[in-house]
């Protein structure tokens, strides 16, 4: 673990292995720790760089929601890469981390050698839908601050989006819950206010311009994000879409071996293609 100073805040970064760099970006309520079951295998071939988003894990949780915005999130990742003297890296983002990864690919494409998006979205096209989502996230942020982390996590785990996770082994669910409980009310509330889909502008119009090898992954039990994956696969030139059977929103958690194989196979094939 290393807490790197970026301006006035500190970002937690977990690194392992050696080889080509692979940046790992977790989802909302997660942390770099969520990737540990995968970094053990991936680190045999790649130098993995797992980053705690602002307000999550061991990174700082500023009081200003604007500090959590996607522009700052991208700057934080670039600062980490600069600190580690990494010019180009493959980037894997899950859910919220997928939106950040996509923004990074749009803003600084020269820093990416490959892009992997798991259960990710390019945002909400409709302005009315964004306003509604922003209001929903603002209300949820107040609930987090009022009820505390445990009360919020109890509510979060009951969302239909995560229904398929009820089938996971008890120890896996316990580890996931422990990761979520390590976050702070301020961090999660401000992450919703600053980085939620309601406040982030949609990225659809930029997708046809991407020229980065891209893998899109979604779980067959998560139809909404399967559709978003199909939409992005039609907009990103040469993008590869993989729908993983018997998995919901968190493919990496529900079908870990299949997920790890997809990621490693894609990155190795991309590496050979670029050489």
Protein backbone atom coordinates (compact mmCIF):
# COMPACT_ATOMS: atom_id res chain seq x y z
CA UNK A 1 0.00 0.00 0.00
CA UNK A 2 1.18 3.51 -0.83
CA UNK A 3 -0.65 6.78 -0.25
CA UNK A 4 0.48 9.20 -2.93
CA UNK A 5 0.03 12.92 -2.50
CA UNK A 6 -1.89 14.53 -5.38
CA UNK A 7 -2.24 18.25 -4.76
CA UNK A 8 -3.86 18.61 -1.34
CA UNK A 9 -5.14 15.04 -1.08
CA UNK A 10 -3.71 11.53 -0.86
CA UNK A 11 -4.64 8.64 -3.13
CA UNK A 12 -4.18 5.03 -2.03
CA UNK A 13 -2.52 2.76 -4.60
CA UNK A 14 -1.87 -0.99 -4.39
CA UNK A 15 0.75 -2.40 -6.78
CA UNK A 16 1.89 -5.94 -7.54
CA UNK A 17 3.79 -7.95 -10.12
CA UNK A 18 5.92 -6.89 -13.05
CA UNK A 19 5.49 -6.35 -16.77
CA UNK A 20 3.13 -4.16 -18.74
CA UNK A 21 1.03 -1.87 -16.54
CA UNK A 22 -2.63 -2.68 -15.84
CA UNK A 23 -4.64 -0.06 -13.94
CA UNK A 24 -7.63 -1.39 -11.95
CA UNK A 25 -10.55 0.91 -11.06
CA UNK A 26 -13.23 -0.32 -8.65
CA UNK A 27 -16.92 0.53 -8.48
CA UNK A 28 -18.99 2.59 -6.03
CA UNK A 29 -18.65 1.37 -2.40
CA UNK A 30 -15.60 -0.71 -3.40
CA UNK A 31 -11.86 -0.27 -3.02
CA UNK A 32 -8.61 -1.54 -4.48
CA UNK A 33 -9.06 -4.58 -2.22
CA UNK A 34 -11.86 -5.89 -4.45
CA UNK A 35 -9.25 -6.82 -7.08
CA UNK A 36 -7.06 -8.92 -4.74
CA UNK A 37 -8.43 -12.31 -5.90
CA UNK A 38 -7.47 -11.33 -9.45
CA UNK A 39 -4.19 -9.50 -8.92
CA UNK A 40 -2.61 -12.67 -7.57
CA UNK A 41 -3.03 -14.23 -11.00
CA UNK A 42 -2.67 -11.15 -13.18
CA UNK A 43 0.50 -10.04 -11.40
CA UNK A 44 2.32 -13.02 -12.90
CA UNK A 45 2.10 -11.26 -16.27
CA UNK A 46 1.32 -7.60 -15.52
CA UNK A 47 2.30 -4.80 -13.17
CA UNK A 48 -1.09 -4.17 -11.55
CA UNK A 49 -1.97 -0.72 -10.20
CA UNK A 50 -5.18 -0.77 -8.16
CA UNK A 51 -6.36 2.71 -7.16
CA UNK A 52 -8.83 3.74 -4.45
CA UNK A 53 -11.14 6.39 -5.91
CA UNK A 54 -11.52 9.59 -3.94
CA UNK A 55 -13.72 8.94 -0.91
CA UNK A 56 -13.19 5.18 -1.03
CA UNK A 57 -10.89 2.75 0.77
CA UNK A 58 -7.74 4.39 2.10
CA UNK A 59 -7.88 7.49 -0.13
CA UNK A 60 -8.87 10.84 1.32
CA UNK A 61 -12.51 11.93 1.53
CA UNK A 62 -12.65 15.73 1.00
CA UNK A 63 -15.66 17.73 2.13
CA UNK A 64 -16.13 19.39 -1.27
CA UNK A 65 -18.20 17.19 -3.66
CA UNK A 66 -16.65 18.95 -6.67
CA UNK A 67 -13.29 17.32 -5.86
CA UNK A 68 -14.88 13.96 -6.74
CA UNK A 69 -15.84 14.99 -10.30
CA UNK A 70 -14.76 12.94 -13.30
CA UNK A 71 -12.19 15.55 -14.38
CA UNK A 72 -10.42 15.30 -11.04
CA UNK A 73 -10.72 11.50 -11.09
CA UNK A 74 -8.95 11.38 -14.45
CA UNK A 75 -6.26 13.81 -13.23
CA UNK A 76 -5.71 11.61 -10.16
CA UNK A 77 -5.10 8.53 -12.32
CA UNK A 78 -2.71 10.41 -14.61
CA UNK A 79 -0.83 11.71 -11.57
CA UNK A 80 -0.48 8.16 -10.25
CA UNK A 81 0.85 6.98 -13.63
CA UNK A 82 3.31 9.87 -13.71
CA UNK A 83 4.48 9.12 -10.17
CA UNK A 84 5.07 5.48 -11.13
CA UNK A 85 6.75 6.57 -14.38
CA UNK A 86 4.20 4.70 -16.50
CA UNK A 87 3.72 6.29 -19.90
CA UNK A 88 1.05 3.90 -21.19
CA UNK A 89 -1.14 1.35 -19.46
CA UNK A 90 -4.08 -0.92 -20.02
CA UNK A 91 -7.05 0.21 -17.92
CA UNK A 92 -9.79 -1.99 -16.45
CA UNK A 93 -12.79 -0.26 -14.87
CA UNK A 94 -15.83 -1.78 -13.16
CA UNK A 95 -19.20 0.04 -13.01
CA UNK A 96 -18.43 3.55 -11.70
CA UNK A 97 -14.76 2.81 -12.34
CA UNK A 98 -15.73 1.93 -15.89
CA UNK A 99 -17.17 5.39 -16.45
CA UNK A 100 -13.95 6.90 -15.11
CA UNK A 101 -11.88 4.59 -17.33
CA UNK A 102 -13.92 5.60 -20.36
CA UNK A 103 -13.46 9.30 -19.55
CA UNK A 104 -9.73 8.68 -19.20
CA UNK A 105 -9.66 7.03 -22.63
CA UNK A 106 -11.44 10.04 -24.15
CA UNK A 107 -9.36 12.71 -22.41
CA UNK A 108 -5.92 11.07 -22.62
CA UNK A 109 -6.06 8.29 -25.25
CA UNK A 110 -2.29 8.44 -25.72
CA UNK A 111 -1.85 7.03 -22.20
CA UNK A 112 -3.89 3.87 -22.85
CA UNK A 113 -2.74 0.73 -24.64
CA UNK A 114 -6.03 -1.12 -24.04
CA UNK A 115 -9.40 -0.51 -22.37
CA UNK A 116 -11.59 -3.02 -20.52
CA UNK A 117 -15.03 -1.95 -19.29
CA UNK A 118 -16.96 -4.27 -16.97
CA UNK A 119 -20.65 -3.49 -16.43
CA UNK A 120 -20.02 0.10 -17.46
CA UNK A 121 -22.09 2.89 -18.99
CA UNK A 122 -21.23 5.89 -21.18
CA UNK A 123 -23.74 7.90 -19.13
CA UNK A 124 -27.32 9.04 -19.59
CA UNK A 125 -28.15 10.68 -22.91
CA UNK A 126 -31.40 12.33 -21.82
CA UNK A 127 -31.08 15.56 -19.81
CA UNK A 128 -34.29 14.83 -17.94
CA UNK A 129 -33.03 11.39 -16.94
CA UNK A 130 -29.79 12.97 -15.69
CA UNK A 131 -31.68 15.49 -13.57
CA UNK A 132 -33.81 12.71 -12.09
CA UNK A 133 -30.76 10.58 -11.36
CA UNK A 134 -28.89 13.52 -9.79
CA UNK A 135 -31.86 14.18 -7.50
CA UNK A 136 -32.02 10.49 -6.60
CA UNK A 137 -28.30 10.37 -5.83
CA UNK A 138 -28.51 13.58 -3.77
CA UNK A 139 -31.29 12.07 -1.68
CA UNK A 140 -29.30 8.86 -1.23
CA UNK A 141 -26.25 10.89 -0.18
CA UNK A 142 -28.32 12.45 2.60
CA UNK A 143 -29.45 8.99 3.69
CA UNK A 144 -25.83 7.84 3.92
CA UNK A 145 -24.91 10.83 6.08
CA UNK A 146 -27.99 10.37 8.25
CA UNK A 147 -27.98 6.58 8.70
CA UNK A 148 -24.25 5.89 8.58
CA UNK A 149 -22.34 3.27 6.63
CA UNK A 150 -23.87 0.11 8.07
CA UNK A 151 -27.45 1.28 7.52
CA UNK A 152 -26.62 2.31 3.97
CA UNK A 153 -24.78 -0.93 3.15
CA UNK A 154 -27.76 -2.94 4.39
CA UNK A 155 -29.92 -1.01 1.94
CA UNK A 156 -27.37 -1.16 -0.91
CA UNK A 157 -26.99 -4.93 -0.69
CA UNK A 158 -30.75 -5.37 -1.16
CA UNK A 159 -30.83 -3.59 -4.52
CA UNK A 160 -32.17 -5.75 -7.40
CA UNK A 161 -28.93 -4.98 -9.27
CA UNK A 162 -27.07 -7.24 -6.82
CA UNK A 163 -29.69 -9.98 -6.41
CA UNK A 164 -27.52 -12.59 -8.12
CA UNK A 165 -24.82 -12.06 -5.48
CA UNK A 166 -27.02 -13.83 -2.92
CA UNK A 167 -25.77 -17.10 -4.45
CA UNK A 168 -22.14 -16.34 -3.65
CA UNK A 169 -20.36 -18.34 -0.93
CA UNK A 170 -20.79 -16.88 2.53
CA UNK A 171 -17.10 -16.02 2.91
CA UNK A 172 -17.10 -14.10 -0.39
CA UNK A 173 -20.18 -12.11 0.63
CA UNK A 174 -18.65 -11.41 4.03
CA UNK A 175 -15.45 -10.11 2.43
CA UNK A 176 -17.43 -7.88 0.07
CA UNK A 177 -19.50 -6.49 2.93
CA UNK A 178 -16.38 -5.80 4.99
CA UNK A 179 -14.90 -3.81 2.07
CA UNK A 180 -18.06 -1.72 1.80
CA UNK A 181 -18.16 -1.06 5.54
CA UNK A 182 -14.60 0.34 5.50
CA UNK A 183 -15.79 3.42 3.60
CA UNK A 184 -16.92 6.65 5.26
CA UNK A 185 -20.28 8.43 5.02
CA UNK A 186 -18.60 11.60 3.74
CA UNK A 187 -16.66 9.75 1.07
CA UNK A 188 -19.60 7.79 -0.34
CA UNK A 189 -22.08 10.68 -0.10
CA UNK A 190 -19.77 13.08 -1.92
CA UNK A 191 -18.86 10.45 -4.49
CA UNK A 192 -22.55 10.25 -5.40
CA UNK A 193 -22.81 14.04 -5.56
CA UNK A 194 -19.65 14.54 -7.60
CA UNK A 195 -19.34 11.41 -9.73
CA UNK A 196 -22.85 10.01 -10.11
CA UNK A 197 -24.35 9.38 -13.54
CA UNK A 198 -26.70 12.32 -13.02
CA UNK A 199 -23.89 14.88 -12.88
CA UNK A 200 -21.53 13.30 -15.40
CA UNK A 201 -22.09 14.35 -19.00
CA UNK A 202 -22.80 11.48 -21.44
CA UNK A 203 -19.87 10.26 -23.53
CA UNK A 204 -21.68 8.58 -26.45
CA UNK A 205 -20.60 11.15 -29.05
CA UNK A 206 -16.91 10.55 -28.31
CA UNK A 207 -16.99 6.75 -28.61
CA UNK A 208 -16.65 6.55 -32.43
CA UNK A 209 -13.41 8.54 -32.11
CA UNK A 210 -11.73 5.97 -29.86
CA UNK A 211 -8.95 3.96 -31.47
CA UNK A 212 -7.99 1.93 -28.43
CA UNK A 213 -8.41 -1.87 -28.34
CA UNK A 214 -11.53 -2.29 -26.20
CA UNK A 215 -13.13 -5.22 -24.39
CA UNK A 216 -16.66 -4.83 -23.01
CA UNK A 217 -17.82 -7.32 -20.37
CA UNK A 218 -21.31 -7.74 -18.90
CA UNK A 219 -23.17 -10.48 -17.03
CA UNK A 220 -26.07 -12.24 -18.72
CA UNK A 221 -28.17 -11.79 -15.56
CA UNK A 222 -27.76 -7.99 -15.79
CA UNK A 223 -29.87 -7.12 -18.89
CA UNK A 224 -29.59 -3.35 -18.49
CA UNK A 225 -25.81 -3.38 -18.66
CA UNK A 226 -25.82 -6.02 -21.39
CA UNK A 227 -27.77 -3.51 -23.48
CA UNK A 228 -25.34 -0.73 -22.60
CA UNK A 229 -22.50 -3.01 -23.63
CA UNK A 230 -24.17 -3.72 -26.97
CA UNK A 231 -24.69 -0.01 -27.52
CA UNK A 232 -21.03 0.79 -26.85
CA UNK A 233 -19.84 -2.11 -29.00
CA UNK A 234 -21.64 -0.55 -31.95
CA UNK A 235 -20.07 2.86 -31.31
CA UNK A 236 -16.46 1.91 -30.54
CA UNK A 237 -14.57 0.75 -33.63
CA UNK A 238 -13.42 -2.86 -33.26
CA UNK A 239 -14.75 -3.24 -29.71
CA UNK A 240 -15.24 -6.81 -28.51
CA UNK A 241 -18.30 -7.61 -26.38
CA UNK A 242 -18.42 -10.60 -24.03
CA UNK A 243 -21.65 -11.54 -22.22
CA UNK A 244 -20.72 -13.93 -19.40
CA UNK A 245 -23.33 -16.59 -18.58
CA UNK A 246 -24.66 -17.01 -15.04
CA UNK A 247 -23.27 -13.67 -13.83
CA UNK A 248 -24.91 -10.42 -12.79
CA UNK A 249 -23.46 -6.92 -12.40
CA UNK A 250 -20.19 -8.01 -10.74
CA UNK A 251 -18.82 -10.51 -13.25
CA UNK A 252 -15.39 -10.42 -11.60
CA UNK A 253 -17.00 -11.61 -8.36
CA UNK A 254 -19.65 -14.02 -9.64
CA UNK A 255 -17.61 -15.74 -12.35
CA UNK A 256 -14.02 -14.93 -11.35
CA UNK A 257 -12.22 -17.57 -13.40
CA UNK A 258 -14.10 -16.74 -16.60
CA UNK A 259 -13.52 -13.03 -15.98
CA UNK A 260 -9.81 -13.41 -15.32
CA UNK A 261 -9.41 -15.56 -18.43
CA UNK A 262 -11.18 -12.97 -20.60
CA UNK A 263 -9.03 -10.14 -19.29
CA UNK A 264 -5.71 -11.98 -19.59
CA UNK A 265 -6.49 -13.43 -23.02
CA UNK A 266 -7.59 -10.04 -24.36
CA UNK A 267 -4.55 -8.20 -23.03
CA UNK A 268 -2.09 -10.79 -24.28
CA UNK A 269 -3.68 -10.88 -27.74
CA UNK A 270 -3.74 -7.07 -27.83
CA UNK A 271 -0.09 -6.90 -26.79
CA UNK A 272 0.98 -9.21 -29.61
CA UNK A 273 -1.16 -7.32 -32.10
CA UNK A 274 0.48 -4.00 -31.16
CA UNK A 275 4.05 -5.27 -31.34
